[in-house]
Amino acid sequence: MTLNVTHRAPQKRIDLKNDYPYLADFENLPEKTVWDHFRNGSEEAYSFIYITFFPVLYNYGRQFTHDTALVKDALQDLFIHLWKRKEHLSPTDSIKFYLLAATRRRIIKLTGKLNVLSGNTDPEVFGIVMPIEAQIIADQNAKEQVLRVREAVNRLTPKQREVIFLMFYENLSHEQIAKILSLETKTIYNLLYKAIKGLKEIMGSLLLLAAVVLSWVYSSF
């Protein structure tokens, strides 16, 4: 199974103050404190984590498979598991990093089983699913530039695309990405270097534009 960049439906921005006013105070707390509240049994903290991070995790899961039902089911199971095991979870000062790592393991495990049945031997194929905003740009020139970036990114290896995604979309550090991918930090540096080199070879002088467009396209999330 080979995944290329596709599009997904736009997500509504979360407005905790208006939509979930009883959870708004958690926005002002350090993530470590929020996570500790959850580990100690706070249903409000659990709801805040679910509402805040489910869209992020769903988008990450969609990079591995077009099966949206599988991704949603995997995330529901993950959050049920987290609640049942909350007292035994390790502390963290980055909830997103913790949950992205857990989501990756769960999605790859599930898609791996399906891939074995379908004859595909690579459960970690990763294709960047870009937002629908890239399709509805009023400026035709800008739209064409976004499409060129998309095509260039899809010519990278799956691992290079995932590193690009986690670094420029999720703003994770080299060290965090290494832990999520179970790789050495120096390997992440090498993957990023090769990815940028590959984009430069494909796009030439448009490499800077590619970085700008990638940052801009994802900034609305």
N, C-alpha and C. Protein backbone atom coordinates (compact mmCIF):
# COMPACT_ATOMS: atom_id res chain seq x y z
N MET A 1 0.85 -1.19 0.00
CA MET A 1 0.00 0.00 0.00
C MET A 1 0.88 1.24 0.00
N THR A 2 0.72 2.10 -0.97
CA THR A 2 1.49 3.34 -1.06
C THR A 2 0.57 4.51 -0.83
N LEU A 3 0.87 5.33 0.16
CA LEU A 3 0.04 6.48 0.47
C LEU A 3 0.69 7.74 -0.05
N ASN A 4 -0.07 8.55 -0.75
CA ASN A 4 0.39 9.84 -1.20
C ASN A 4 -0.37 10.92 -0.46
N VAL A 5 0.07 12.16 -0.63
CA VAL A 5 -0.61 13.27 0.02
C VAL A 5 -2.01 13.40 -0.53
N THR A 6 -2.98 13.39 0.34
CA THR A 6 -4.37 13.60 -0.05
C THR A 6 -4.94 14.71 0.80
N HIS A 7 -6.25 14.85 0.79
CA HIS A 7 -6.87 15.93 1.54
C HIS A 7 -7.85 15.37 2.54
N ARG A 8 -8.16 16.15 3.55
CA ARG A 8 -9.13 15.75 4.54
C ARG A 8 -10.05 16.92 4.84
N ALA A 9 -11.16 16.62 5.47
CA ALA A 9 -12.11 17.67 5.81
C ALA A 9 -11.50 18.59 6.85
N PRO A 10 -11.78 19.91 6.77
CA PRO A 10 -11.24 20.84 7.74
C PRO A 10 -11.82 20.59 9.12
N GLN A 11 -11.05 20.90 10.13
CA GLN A 11 -11.50 20.72 11.50
C GLN A 11 -11.89 22.07 12.09
N LYS A 12 -12.95 22.06 12.88
CA LYS A 12 -13.40 23.25 13.56
C LYS A 12 -12.42 23.58 14.67
N ARG A 13 -12.03 24.84 14.76
CA ARG A 13 -11.14 25.24 15.84
C ARG A 13 -11.83 25.04 17.18
N ILE A 14 -11.08 24.59 18.14
CA ILE A 14 -11.62 24.37 19.47
C ILE A 14 -11.60 25.68 20.24
N ASP A 15 -12.73 26.08 20.74
CA ASP A 15 -12.86 27.29 21.56
C ASP A 15 -13.35 26.87 22.93
N LEU A 16 -12.41 26.58 23.82
CA LEU A 16 -12.78 26.06 25.13
C LEU A 16 -13.63 27.05 25.92
N LYS A 17 -13.32 28.33 25.82
CA LYS A 17 -14.04 29.32 26.62
C LYS A 17 -15.52 29.35 26.26
N ASN A 18 -15.84 29.18 24.97
CA ASN A 18 -17.23 29.23 24.54
C ASN A 18 -17.88 27.85 24.51
N ASP A 19 -17.14 26.86 24.03
CA ASP A 19 -17.73 25.53 23.86
C ASP A 19 -17.65 24.67 25.12
N TYR A 20 -16.55 24.84 25.86
CA TYR A 20 -16.37 24.04 27.09
C TYR A 20 -15.84 24.94 28.20
N PRO A 21 -16.65 25.88 28.65
CA PRO A 21 -16.16 26.86 29.64
C PRO A 21 -15.66 26.23 30.93
N TYR A 22 -16.22 25.06 31.30
CA TYR A 22 -15.80 24.41 32.54
C TYR A 22 -14.41 23.80 32.44
N LEU A 23 -13.85 23.77 31.22
CA LEU A 23 -12.51 23.23 31.01
C LEU A 23 -11.48 24.31 30.71
N ALA A 24 -11.92 25.54 30.56
CA ALA A 24 -11.05 26.61 30.08
C ALA A 24 -9.85 26.85 30.99
N ASP A 25 -10.01 26.65 32.28
CA ASP A 25 -8.91 26.92 33.21
C ASP A 25 -7.71 26.03 32.96
N PHE A 26 -7.94 24.86 32.38
CA PHE A 26 -6.83 23.93 32.13
C PHE A 26 -5.86 24.49 31.08
N GLU A 27 -6.34 25.39 30.24
CA GLU A 27 -5.46 25.98 29.21
C GLU A 27 -4.31 26.74 29.84
N ASN A 28 -4.50 27.25 31.03
CA ASN A 28 -3.49 28.09 31.68
C ASN A 28 -2.55 27.28 32.57
N LEU A 29 -2.76 25.98 32.64
CA LEU A 29 -1.92 25.14 33.49
C LEU A 29 -0.80 24.49 32.68
N PRO A 30 0.36 24.25 33.29
CA PRO A 30 1.41 23.48 32.60
C PRO A 30 0.88 22.09 32.27
N GLU A 31 1.36 21.54 31.15
CA GLU A 31 0.87 20.23 30.74
C GLU A 31 1.17 19.16 31.78
N LYS A 32 2.28 19.30 32.47
CA LYS A 32 2.60 18.32 33.51
C LYS A 32 1.53 18.32 34.60
N THR A 33 1.04 19.51 34.96
CA THR A 33 0.01 19.62 35.98
C THR A 33 -1.31 19.03 35.50
N VAL A 34 -1.66 19.32 34.23
CA VAL A 34 -2.89 18.76 33.66
C VAL A 34 -2.82 17.24 33.66
N TRP A 35 -1.68 16.72 33.24
CA TRP A 35 -1.50 15.26 33.17
C TRP A 35 -1.56 14.63 34.55
N ASP A 36 -0.99 15.30 35.54
CA ASP A 36 -1.02 14.78 36.91
C ASP A 36 -2.45 14.79 37.46
N HIS A 37 -3.22 15.82 37.13
CA HIS A 37 -4.64 15.85 37.54
C HIS A 37 -5.36 14.64 36.95
N PHE A 38 -5.08 14.38 35.68
CA PHE A 38 -5.71 13.23 35.02
C PHE A 38 -5.30 11.92 35.68
N ARG A 39 -4.01 11.77 35.93
CA ARG A 39 -3.51 10.54 36.55
C ARG A 39 -4.11 10.33 37.94
N ASN A 40 -4.51 11.43 38.59
CA ASN A 40 -5.10 11.35 39.92
C ASN A 40 -6.61 11.19 39.87
N GLY A 41 -7.17 11.04 38.65
CA GLY A 41 -8.59 10.73 38.54
C GLY A 41 -9.51 11.86 38.17
N SER A 42 -8.97 13.01 37.75
CA SER A 42 -9.82 14.13 37.39
C SER A 42 -10.50 13.88 36.04
N GLU A 43 -11.83 13.81 36.05
CA GLU A 43 -12.57 13.63 34.81
C GLU A 43 -12.50 14.88 33.94
N GLU A 44 -12.41 16.05 34.58
CA GLU A 44 -12.30 17.30 33.82
C GLU A 44 -10.98 17.35 33.06
N ALA A 45 -9.90 16.93 33.72
CA ALA A 45 -8.60 16.91 33.05
C ALA A 45 -8.61 15.92 31.90
N TYR A 46 -9.24 14.78 32.12
CA TYR A 46 -9.37 13.77 31.07
C TYR A 46 -10.15 14.33 29.88
N SER A 47 -11.26 15.02 30.15
CA SER A 47 -12.06 15.62 29.07
C SER A 47 -11.25 16.67 28.32
N PHE A 48 -10.50 17.49 29.06
CA PHE A 48 -9.67 18.51 28.43
C PHE A 48 -8.64 17.89 27.50
N ILE A 49 -7.97 16.83 27.95
CA ILE A 49 -6.96 16.16 27.13
C ILE A 49 -7.61 15.56 25.89
N TYR A 50 -8.75 14.93 26.06
CA TYR A 50 -9.45 14.31 24.92
C TYR A 50 -9.85 15.36 23.89
N ILE A 51 -10.50 16.42 24.35
CA ILE A 51 -11.00 17.45 23.43
C ILE A 51 -9.86 18.18 22.74
N THR A 52 -8.79 18.42 23.48
CA THR A 52 -7.67 19.19 22.94
C THR A 52 -6.83 18.38 21.96
N PHE A 53 -6.58 17.12 22.28
CA PHE A 53 -5.61 16.36 21.51
C PHE A 53 -6.20 15.34 20.54
N PHE A 54 -7.47 15.03 20.65
CA PHE A 54 -8.05 14.06 19.71
C PHE A 54 -7.86 14.50 18.25
N PRO A 55 -8.13 15.77 17.88
CA PRO A 55 -7.92 16.17 16.48
C PRO A 55 -6.47 16.01 16.03
N VAL A 56 -5.53 16.30 16.91
CA VAL A 56 -4.11 16.15 16.58
C VAL A 56 -3.77 14.69 16.33
N LEU A 57 -4.24 13.83 17.20
CA LEU A 57 -3.95 12.41 17.09
C LEU A 57 -4.66 11.80 15.89
N TYR A 58 -5.86 12.25 15.62
CA TYR A 58 -6.61 11.76 14.45
C TYR A 58 -5.87 12.11 13.16
N ASN A 59 -5.39 13.32 13.07
CA ASN A 59 -4.65 13.73 11.87
C ASN A 59 -3.37 12.93 11.71
N TYR A 60 -2.69 12.66 12.81
CA TYR A 60 -1.47 11.85 12.75
C TYR A 60 -1.79 10.43 12.31
N GLY A 61 -2.84 9.85 12.86
CA GLY A 61 -3.23 8.51 12.48
C GLY A 61 -3.62 8.41 11.02
N ARG A 62 -4.19 9.49 10.48
CA ARG A 62 -4.60 9.49 9.09
C ARG A 62 -3.42 9.47 8.13
N GLN A 63 -2.24 9.78 8.62
CA GLN A 63 -1.06 9.72 7.76
C GLN A 63 -0.70 8.28 7.41
N PHE A 64 -1.16 7.33 8.22
CA PHE A 64 -0.80 5.93 8.02
C PHE A 64 -1.84 5.15 7.24
N THR A 65 -3.07 5.61 7.23
CA THR A 65 -4.13 4.85 6.58
C THR A 65 -5.28 5.76 6.16
N HIS A 66 -5.94 5.39 5.06
CA HIS A 66 -7.14 6.11 4.63
C HIS A 66 -8.38 5.63 5.37
N ASP A 67 -8.24 4.60 6.18
CA ASP A 67 -9.38 4.02 6.89
C ASP A 67 -9.69 4.89 8.11
N THR A 68 -10.57 5.87 7.94
CA THR A 68 -10.88 6.80 9.03
C THR A 68 -11.56 6.09 10.20
N ALA A 69 -12.36 5.08 9.90
CA ALA A 69 -13.04 4.34 10.97
C ALA A 69 -12.02 3.64 11.86
N LEU A 70 -10.98 3.06 11.23
CA LEU A 70 -9.94 2.39 11.99
C LEU A 70 -9.22 3.37 12.91
N VAL A 71 -8.92 4.56 12.38
CA VAL A 71 -8.22 5.57 13.18
C VAL A 71 -9.07 6.00 14.36
N LYS A 72 -10.35 6.28 14.10
CA LYS A 72 -11.23 6.71 15.19
C LYS A 72 -11.38 5.63 16.25
N ASP A 73 -11.56 4.38 15.81
CA ASP A 73 -11.69 3.27 16.75
C ASP A 73 -10.42 3.10 17.58
N ALA A 74 -9.27 3.24 16.91
CA ALA A 74 -7.99 3.09 17.61
C ALA A 74 -7.83 4.16 18.68
N LEU A 75 -8.24 5.38 18.36
CA LEU A 75 -8.11 6.47 19.33
C LEU A 75 -9.10 6.32 20.48
N GLN A 76 -10.30 5.88 20.16
CA GLN A 76 -11.27 5.63 21.24
C GLN A 76 -10.73 4.57 22.19
N ASP A 77 -10.19 3.50 21.63
CA ASP A 77 -9.61 2.43 22.46
C ASP A 77 -8.44 2.95 23.28
N LEU A 78 -7.64 3.82 22.66
CA LEU A 78 -6.49 4.38 23.36
C LEU A 78 -6.93 5.18 24.58
N PHE A 79 -7.93 6.03 24.40
CA PHE A 79 -8.38 6.86 25.53
C PHE A 79 -9.06 6.04 26.61
N ILE A 80 -9.76 5.00 26.22
CA ILE A 80 -10.35 4.10 27.21
C ILE A 80 -9.24 3.41 28.01
N HIS A 81 -8.22 2.97 27.30
CA HIS A 81 -7.07 2.32 27.95
C HIS A 81 -6.39 3.29 28.89
N LEU A 82 -6.20 4.54 28.47
CA LEU A 82 -5.53 5.53 29.31
C LEU A 82 -6.31 5.76 30.60
N TRP A 83 -7.64 5.84 30.49
CA TRP A 83 -8.44 6.08 31.68
C TRP A 83 -8.36 4.90 32.64
N LYS A 84 -8.42 3.70 32.10
CA LYS A 84 -8.36 2.52 32.95
C LYS A 84 -7.00 2.38 33.64
N ARG A 85 -5.95 2.85 32.97
CA ARG A 85 -4.59 2.68 33.49
C ARG A 85 -4.00 3.97 34.05
N LYS A 86 -4.84 4.97 34.28
CA LYS A 86 -4.35 6.31 34.61
C LYS A 86 -3.42 6.34 35.82
N GLU A 87 -3.71 5.55 36.83
CA GLU A 87 -2.86 5.56 38.04
C GLU A 87 -1.47 4.99 37.78
N HIS A 88 -1.33 4.23 36.70
CA HIS A 88 -0.06 3.56 36.41
C HIS A 88 0.73 4.25 35.30
N LEU A 89 0.19 5.34 34.74
CA LEU A 89 0.87 6.03 33.65
C LEU A 89 2.05 6.84 34.19
N SER A 90 3.09 6.95 33.39
CA SER A 90 4.26 7.73 33.79
C SER A 90 3.98 9.21 33.62
N PRO A 91 4.65 10.06 34.39
CA PRO A 91 4.45 11.51 34.25
C PRO A 91 5.04 12.02 32.95
N THR A 92 4.56 13.16 32.51
CA THR A 92 5.11 13.77 31.28
C THR A 92 4.88 15.28 31.33
N ASP A 93 5.77 16.03 30.73
CA ASP A 93 5.56 17.47 30.62
C ASP A 93 5.15 17.87 29.21
N SER A 94 4.90 16.86 28.34
CA SER A 94 4.41 17.09 26.99
C SER A 94 3.36 16.04 26.67
N ILE A 95 2.10 16.41 26.86
CA ILE A 95 1.02 15.46 26.63
C ILE A 95 0.96 15.06 25.16
N LYS A 96 1.15 16.02 24.28
CA LYS A 96 1.09 15.72 22.85
C LYS A 96 2.15 14.70 22.45
N PHE A 97 3.36 14.88 22.93
CA PHE A 97 4.43 13.93 22.63
C PHE A 97 4.07 12.53 23.14
N TYR A 98 3.59 12.46 24.37
CA TYR A 98 3.21 11.18 24.98
C TYR A 98 2.13 10.49 24.15
N LEU A 99 1.10 11.24 23.77
CA LEU A 99 -0.03 10.66 23.06
C LEU A 99 0.30 10.33 21.60
N LEU A 100 1.15 11.15 20.97
CA LEU A 100 1.56 10.84 19.60
C LEU A 100 2.31 9.51 19.55
N ALA A 101 3.19 9.30 20.52
CA ALA A 101 3.93 8.05 20.56
C ALA A 101 2.99 6.87 20.76
N ALA A 102 2.02 7.03 21.67
CA ALA A 102 1.06 5.95 21.93
C ALA A 102 0.18 5.70 20.71
N THR A 103 -0.21 6.76 20.04
CA THR A 103 -1.05 6.62 18.83
C THR A 103 -0.30 5.90 17.73
N ARG A 104 0.96 6.23 17.54
CA ARG A 104 1.76 5.60 16.49
C ARG A 104 1.85 4.09 16.72
N ARG A 105 2.13 3.72 17.95
CA ARG A 105 2.25 2.28 18.25
C ARG A 105 0.93 1.55 17.97
N ARG A 106 -0.17 2.17 18.38
CA ARG A 106 -1.47 1.51 18.23
C ARG A 106 -1.89 1.43 16.76
N ILE A 107 -1.70 2.52 16.01
CA ILE A 107 -2.10 2.53 14.61
C ILE A 107 -1.26 1.54 13.80
N ILE A 108 0.05 1.53 14.04
CA ILE A 108 0.92 0.62 13.29
C ILE A 108 0.59 -0.83 13.62
N LYS A 109 0.25 -1.09 14.86
CA LYS A 109 -0.13 -2.45 15.24
C LYS A 109 -1.38 -2.89 14.50
N LEU A 110 -2.38 -2.01 14.44
CA LEU A 110 -3.63 -2.34 13.77
C LEU A 110 -3.46 -2.42 12.26
N THR A 111 -2.81 -1.43 11.67
CA THR A 111 -2.62 -1.45 10.21
C THR A 111 -1.69 -2.57 9.81
N GLY A 112 -0.75 -2.92 10.69
CA GLY A 112 0.15 -4.03 10.40
C GLY A 112 -0.60 -5.33 10.23
N LYS A 113 -1.58 -5.56 11.09
CA LYS A 113 -2.39 -6.78 10.98
C LYS A 113 -3.16 -6.80 9.66
N LEU A 114 -3.71 -5.64 9.30
CA LEU A 114 -4.46 -5.57 8.05
C LEU A 114 -3.54 -5.73 6.85
N ASN A 115 -2.33 -5.17 6.95
CA ASN A 115 -1.39 -5.25 5.84
C ASN A 115 -0.93 -6.68 5.60
N VAL A 116 -0.78 -7.43 6.69
CA VAL A 116 -0.39 -8.84 6.54
C VAL A 116 -1.46 -9.59 5.77
N LEU A 117 -2.72 -9.32 6.09
CA LEU A 117 -3.83 -9.98 5.41
C LEU A 117 -3.90 -9.58 3.94
N SER A 118 -3.51 -8.32 3.64
CA SER A 118 -3.62 -7.84 2.27
C SER A 118 -2.35 -8.06 1.46
N GLY A 119 -1.29 -8.58 2.12
CA GLY A 119 -0.05 -8.85 1.41
C GLY A 119 0.96 -7.73 1.46
N ASN A 120 0.63 -6.62 2.12
CA ASN A 120 1.57 -5.52 2.24
C ASN A 120 2.49 -5.78 3.43
N THR A 121 3.80 -5.65 3.24
CA THR A 121 4.75 -6.00 4.30
C THR A 121 5.29 -4.79 5.03
N ASP A 122 4.83 -3.57 4.69
CA ASP A 122 5.34 -2.37 5.34
C ASP A 122 4.21 -1.64 6.05
N PRO A 123 4.05 -1.85 7.38
CA PRO A 123 2.96 -1.22 8.10
C PRO A 123 3.23 0.24 8.44
N GLU A 124 4.44 0.74 8.14
CA GLU A 124 4.77 2.10 8.54
C GLU A 124 4.81 3.06 7.36
N VAL A 125 4.13 2.73 6.28
CA VAL A 125 4.04 3.66 5.15
C VAL A 125 3.38 4.93 5.64
N PHE A 126 3.97 6.07 5.33
CA PHE A 126 3.50 7.34 5.88
C PHE A 126 3.34 8.35 4.76
N GLY A 127 2.13 8.86 4.60
CA GLY A 127 1.88 9.88 3.59
C GLY A 127 1.26 11.10 4.23
N ILE A 128 1.80 12.28 3.98
CA ILE A 128 1.30 13.48 4.64
C ILE A 128 -0.05 13.88 4.05
N VAL A 129 -1.08 13.89 4.90
CA VAL A 129 -2.42 14.28 4.49
C VAL A 129 -2.56 15.77 4.74
N MET A 130 -2.48 16.55 3.69
CA MET A 130 -2.50 18.00 3.85
C MET A 130 -3.92 18.51 4.01
N PRO A 131 -4.08 19.65 4.70
CA PRO A 131 -5.40 20.19 4.98
C PRO A 131 -6.16 20.61 3.73
N ILE A 132 -7.47 20.69 3.85
CA ILE A 132 -8.32 21.09 2.75
C ILE A 132 -8.06 22.53 2.34
N GLU A 133 -7.49 23.33 3.27
CA GLU A 133 -7.21 24.73 2.94
C GLU A 133 -6.33 24.84 1.70
N ALA A 134 -5.51 23.82 1.45
CA ALA A 134 -4.63 23.86 0.28
C ALA A 134 -5.43 23.80 -1.01
N GLN A 135 -6.68 23.37 -0.94
CA GLN A 135 -7.50 23.25 -2.14
C GLN A 135 -8.31 24.50 -2.42
N ILE A 136 -8.51 25.33 -1.42
CA ILE A 136 -9.43 26.43 -1.58
C ILE A 136 -8.74 27.78 -1.51
N ILE A 137 -7.51 27.83 -1.98
CA ILE A 137 -6.76 29.09 -2.02
C ILE A 137 -7.25 29.93 -3.18
N ALA A 138 -7.56 31.18 -2.89
CA ALA A 138 -8.11 32.05 -3.92
C ALA A 138 -7.08 32.36 -5.01
N ASP A 139 -5.84 32.57 -4.61
CA ASP A 139 -4.78 32.90 -5.55
C ASP A 139 -4.32 31.64 -6.27
N GLN A 140 -4.54 31.57 -7.59
CA GLN A 140 -4.21 30.38 -8.36
C GLN A 140 -2.72 30.08 -8.31
N ASN A 141 -1.88 31.13 -8.34
CA ASN A 141 -0.44 30.91 -8.28
C ASN A 141 -0.03 30.26 -6.96
N ALA A 142 -0.61 30.74 -5.86
CA ALA A 142 -0.30 30.16 -4.57
C ALA A 142 -0.77 28.72 -4.51
N LYS A 143 -1.93 28.46 -5.12
CA LYS A 143 -2.47 27.10 -5.13
C LYS A 143 -1.53 26.16 -5.87
N GLU A 144 -1.00 26.62 -7.00
CA GLU A 144 -0.08 25.79 -7.77
C GLU A 144 1.21 25.53 -7.00
N GLN A 145 1.66 26.54 -6.24
CA GLN A 145 2.87 26.37 -5.45
C GLN A 145 2.66 25.33 -4.35
N VAL A 146 1.48 25.36 -3.71
CA VAL A 146 1.18 24.38 -2.69
C VAL A 146 1.18 22.98 -3.28
N LEU A 147 0.60 22.84 -4.47
CA LEU A 147 0.54 21.54 -5.12
C LEU A 147 1.94 21.04 -5.47
N ARG A 148 2.83 21.95 -5.86
CA ARG A 148 4.20 21.56 -6.17
C ARG A 148 4.92 21.07 -4.92
N VAL A 149 4.68 21.75 -3.81
CA VAL A 149 5.27 21.31 -2.55
C VAL A 149 4.75 19.93 -2.19
N ARG A 150 3.45 19.73 -2.36
CA ARG A 150 2.84 18.45 -2.04
C ARG A 150 3.46 17.33 -2.86
N GLU A 151 3.62 17.56 -4.15
CA GLU A 151 4.21 16.55 -5.02
C GLU A 151 5.65 16.26 -4.64
N ALA A 152 6.38 17.31 -4.26
CA ALA A 152 7.78 17.13 -3.88
C ALA A 152 7.89 16.32 -2.60
N VAL A 153 7.05 16.63 -1.61
CA VAL A 153 7.08 15.91 -0.34
C VAL A 153 6.77 14.43 -0.56
N ASN A 154 5.86 14.15 -1.47
CA ASN A 154 5.47 12.77 -1.71
C ASN A 154 6.56 11.95 -2.39
N ARG A 155 7.60 12.60 -2.87
CA ARG A 155 8.72 11.89 -3.48
C ARG A 155 9.79 11.53 -2.46
N LEU A 156 9.61 11.99 -1.21
CA LEU A 156 10.52 11.61 -0.14
C LEU A 156 10.16 10.21 0.34
N THR A 157 11.04 9.61 1.12
CA THR A 157 10.73 8.30 1.69
C THR A 157 9.70 8.48 2.80
N PRO A 158 8.97 7.41 3.16
CA PRO A 158 7.98 7.52 4.24
C PRO A 158 8.57 8.05 5.54
N LYS A 159 9.76 7.56 5.92
CA LYS A 159 10.38 8.02 7.16
C LYS A 159 10.73 9.51 7.08
N GLN A 160 11.23 9.95 5.91
CA GLN A 160 11.56 11.36 5.76
C GLN A 160 10.30 12.22 5.86
N ARG A 161 9.20 11.74 5.27
CA ARG A 161 7.94 12.49 5.36
C ARG A 161 7.46 12.58 6.80
N GLU A 162 7.62 11.49 7.54
CA GLU A 162 7.16 11.50 8.92
C GLU A 162 7.98 12.46 9.77
N VAL A 163 9.28 12.49 9.55
CA VAL A 163 10.14 13.43 10.28
C VAL A 163 9.74 14.86 9.95
N ILE A 164 9.51 15.14 8.66
CA ILE A 164 9.07 16.48 8.25
C ILE A 164 7.77 16.83 8.95
N PHE A 165 6.83 15.90 8.97
CA PHE A 165 5.52 16.12 9.57
C PHE A 165 5.65 16.43 11.06
N LEU A 166 6.39 15.60 11.77
CA LEU A 166 6.50 15.75 13.22
C LEU A 166 7.28 17.02 13.60
N MET A 167 8.24 17.39 12.79
CA MET A 167 9.04 18.56 13.12
C MET A 167 8.36 19.86 12.75
N PHE A 168 7.86 19.95 11.51
CA PHE A 168 7.33 21.22 11.03
C PHE A 168 5.84 21.39 11.28
N TYR A 169 5.12 20.30 11.48
CA TYR A 169 3.70 20.39 11.75
C TYR A 169 3.42 20.32 13.24
N GLU A 170 4.03 19.35 13.91
CA GLU A 170 3.77 19.16 15.33
C GLU A 170 4.81 19.85 16.22
N ASN A 171 5.84 20.44 15.60
CA ASN A 171 6.84 21.21 16.36
C ASN A 171 7.54 20.40 17.45
N LEU A 172 7.82 19.15 17.14
CA LEU A 172 8.55 18.32 18.09
C LEU A 172 10.06 18.48 17.90
N SER A 173 10.80 18.19 18.93
CA SER A 173 12.26 18.29 18.86
C SER A 173 12.84 17.04 18.22
N HIS A 174 14.11 17.11 17.84
CA HIS A 174 14.79 15.94 17.29
C HIS A 174 14.74 14.78 18.27
N GLU A 175 14.93 15.10 19.55
CA GLU A 175 14.96 14.06 20.57
C GLU A 175 13.58 13.40 20.73
N GLN A 176 12.53 14.21 20.69
CA GLN A 176 11.18 13.66 20.83
C GLN A 176 10.82 12.78 19.62
N ILE A 177 11.19 13.25 18.43
CA ILE A 177 10.91 12.47 17.22
C ILE A 177 11.66 11.14 17.27
N ALA A 178 12.89 11.18 17.75
CA ALA A 178 13.68 9.95 17.85
C ALA A 178 13.00 8.93 18.76
N LYS A 179 12.44 9.41 19.87
CA LYS A 179 11.76 8.50 20.80
C LYS A 179 10.49 7.93 20.18
N ILE A 180 9.73 8.78 19.47
CA ILE A 180 8.49 8.31 18.85
C ILE A 180 8.79 7.26 17.78
N LEU A 181 9.84 7.47 16.99
CA LEU A 181 10.18 6.56 15.91
C LEU A 181 11.10 5.43 16.35
N SER A 182 11.50 5.44 17.64
CA SER A 182 12.42 4.43 18.18
C SER A 182 13.72 4.40 17.40
N LEU A 183 14.28 5.59 17.17
CA LEU A 183 15.52 5.73 16.44
C LEU A 183 16.50 6.58 17.25
N GLU A 184 17.77 6.53 16.87
CA GLU A 184 18.76 7.40 17.49
C GLU A 184 18.54 8.83 17.03
N THR A 185 18.88 9.78 17.90
CA THR A 185 18.70 11.19 17.55
C THR A 185 19.50 11.56 16.31
N LYS A 186 20.71 11.02 16.19
CA LYS A 186 21.53 11.33 15.02
C LYS A 186 20.89 10.82 13.74
N THR A 187 20.10 9.75 13.84
CA THR A 187 19.39 9.24 12.67
C THR A 187 18.32 10.22 12.23
N ILE A 188 17.68 10.88 13.19
CA ILE A 188 16.67 11.90 12.86
C ILE A 188 17.33 13.07 12.14
N TYR A 189 18.49 13.49 12.63
CA TYR A 189 19.23 14.56 11.96
C TYR A 189 19.55 14.15 10.52
N ASN A 190 19.98 12.91 10.33
CA ASN A 190 20.32 12.44 8.99
C ASN A 190 19.09 12.39 8.08
N LEU A 191 17.96 11.91 8.63
CA LEU A 191 16.73 11.85 7.85
C LEU A 191 16.27 13.24 7.44
N LEU A 192 16.37 14.18 8.38
CA LEU A 192 15.96 15.55 8.07
C LEU A 192 16.88 16.17 7.02
N TYR A 193 18.18 15.93 7.17
CA TYR A 193 19.14 16.44 6.19
C TYR A 193 18.85 15.90 4.80
N LYS A 194 18.61 14.59 4.72
CA LYS A 194 18.33 13.98 3.42
C LYS A 194 17.00 14.46 2.86
N ALA A 195 16.02 14.69 3.74
CA ALA A 195 14.72 15.18 3.28
C ALA A 195 14.86 16.58 2.68
N ILE A 196 15.58 17.45 3.38
CA ILE A 196 15.77 18.82 2.88
C ILE A 196 16.60 18.80 1.60
N LYS A 197 17.62 17.94 1.56
CA LYS A 197 18.43 17.81 0.36
C LYS A 197 17.58 17.32 -0.80
N GLY A 198 16.70 16.33 -0.51
CA GLY A 198 15.82 15.82 -1.56
C GLY A 198 14.87 16.87 -2.07
N LEU A 199 14.30 17.67 -1.17
CA LEU A 199 13.40 18.74 -1.59
C LEU A 199 14.15 19.78 -2.42
N LYS A 200 15.39 20.06 -2.03
CA LYS A 200 16.19 21.03 -2.76
C LYS A 200 16.47 20.55 -4.18
N GLU A 201 16.77 19.25 -4.30
CA GLU A 201 17.05 18.68 -5.62
C GLU A 201 15.80 18.69 -6.50
N ILE A 202 14.64 18.48 -5.86
CA ILE A 202 13.39 18.44 -6.62
C ILE A 202 12.91 19.83 -6.97
N MET A 203 13.03 20.76 -6.01
CA MET A 203 12.40 22.06 -6.17
C MET A 203 13.38 23.19 -6.45
N GLY A 204 14.67 22.95 -6.24
CA GLY A 204 15.66 23.98 -6.51
C GLY A 204 15.43 25.23 -5.70
N SER A 205 15.30 26.35 -6.35
CA SER A 205 15.16 27.64 -5.67
C SER A 205 13.84 27.77 -4.92
N LEU A 206 12.93 26.83 -5.15
CA LEU A 206 11.64 26.88 -4.47
C LEU A 206 11.68 26.20 -3.10
N LEU A 207 12.87 25.75 -2.67
CA LEU A 207 12.96 25.07 -1.38
C LEU A 207 12.50 25.97 -0.25
N LEU A 208 12.97 27.22 -0.25
CA LEU A 208 12.54 28.14 0.80
C LEU A 208 11.04 28.33 0.76
N LEU A 209 10.50 28.44 -0.45
CA LEU A 209 9.06 28.55 -0.60
C LEU A 209 8.37 27.33 -0.02
N ALA A 210 8.96 26.16 -0.24
CA ALA A 210 8.37 24.93 0.27
C ALA A 210 8.24 24.99 1.78
N ALA A 211 9.30 25.44 2.45
CA ALA A 211 9.26 25.54 3.91
C ALA A 211 8.20 26.53 4.36
N VAL A 212 8.12 27.66 3.65
CA VAL A 212 7.14 28.69 4.00
C VAL A 212 5.73 28.16 3.80
N VAL A 213 5.51 27.50 2.67
CA VAL A 213 4.18 26.99 2.36
C VAL A 213 3.77 25.91 3.35
N LEU A 214 4.69 24.99 3.67
CA LEU A 214 4.38 23.95 4.63
C LEU A 214 3.98 24.55 5.97
N SER A 215 4.75 25.54 6.40
CA SER A 215 4.45 26.19 7.67
C SER A 215 3.11 26.90 7.62
N TRP A 216 2.85 27.59 6.49
CA TRP A 216 1.62 28.35 6.36
C TRP A 216 0.41 27.44 6.24
N VAL A 217 0.52 26.38 5.45
CA VAL A 217 -0.61 25.47 5.23
C VAL A 217 -1.05 24.85 6.55
N TYR A 218 -0.08 24.53 7.41
CA TYR A 218 -0.42 23.85 8.66
C TYR A 218 -0.72 24.82 9.80
N SER A 219 -0.52 26.12 9.59
CA SER A 219 -0.65 27.07 10.68
C SER A 219 -2.08 27.25 11.17
N SER A 220 -3.04 26.84 10.38
CA SER A 220 -4.44 27.04 10.77
C SER A 220 -4.94 25.96 11.70
N PHE A 221 -4.08 24.99 12.06
CA PHE A 221 -4.52 23.88 12.91
C PHE A 221 -4.02 24.06 14.34
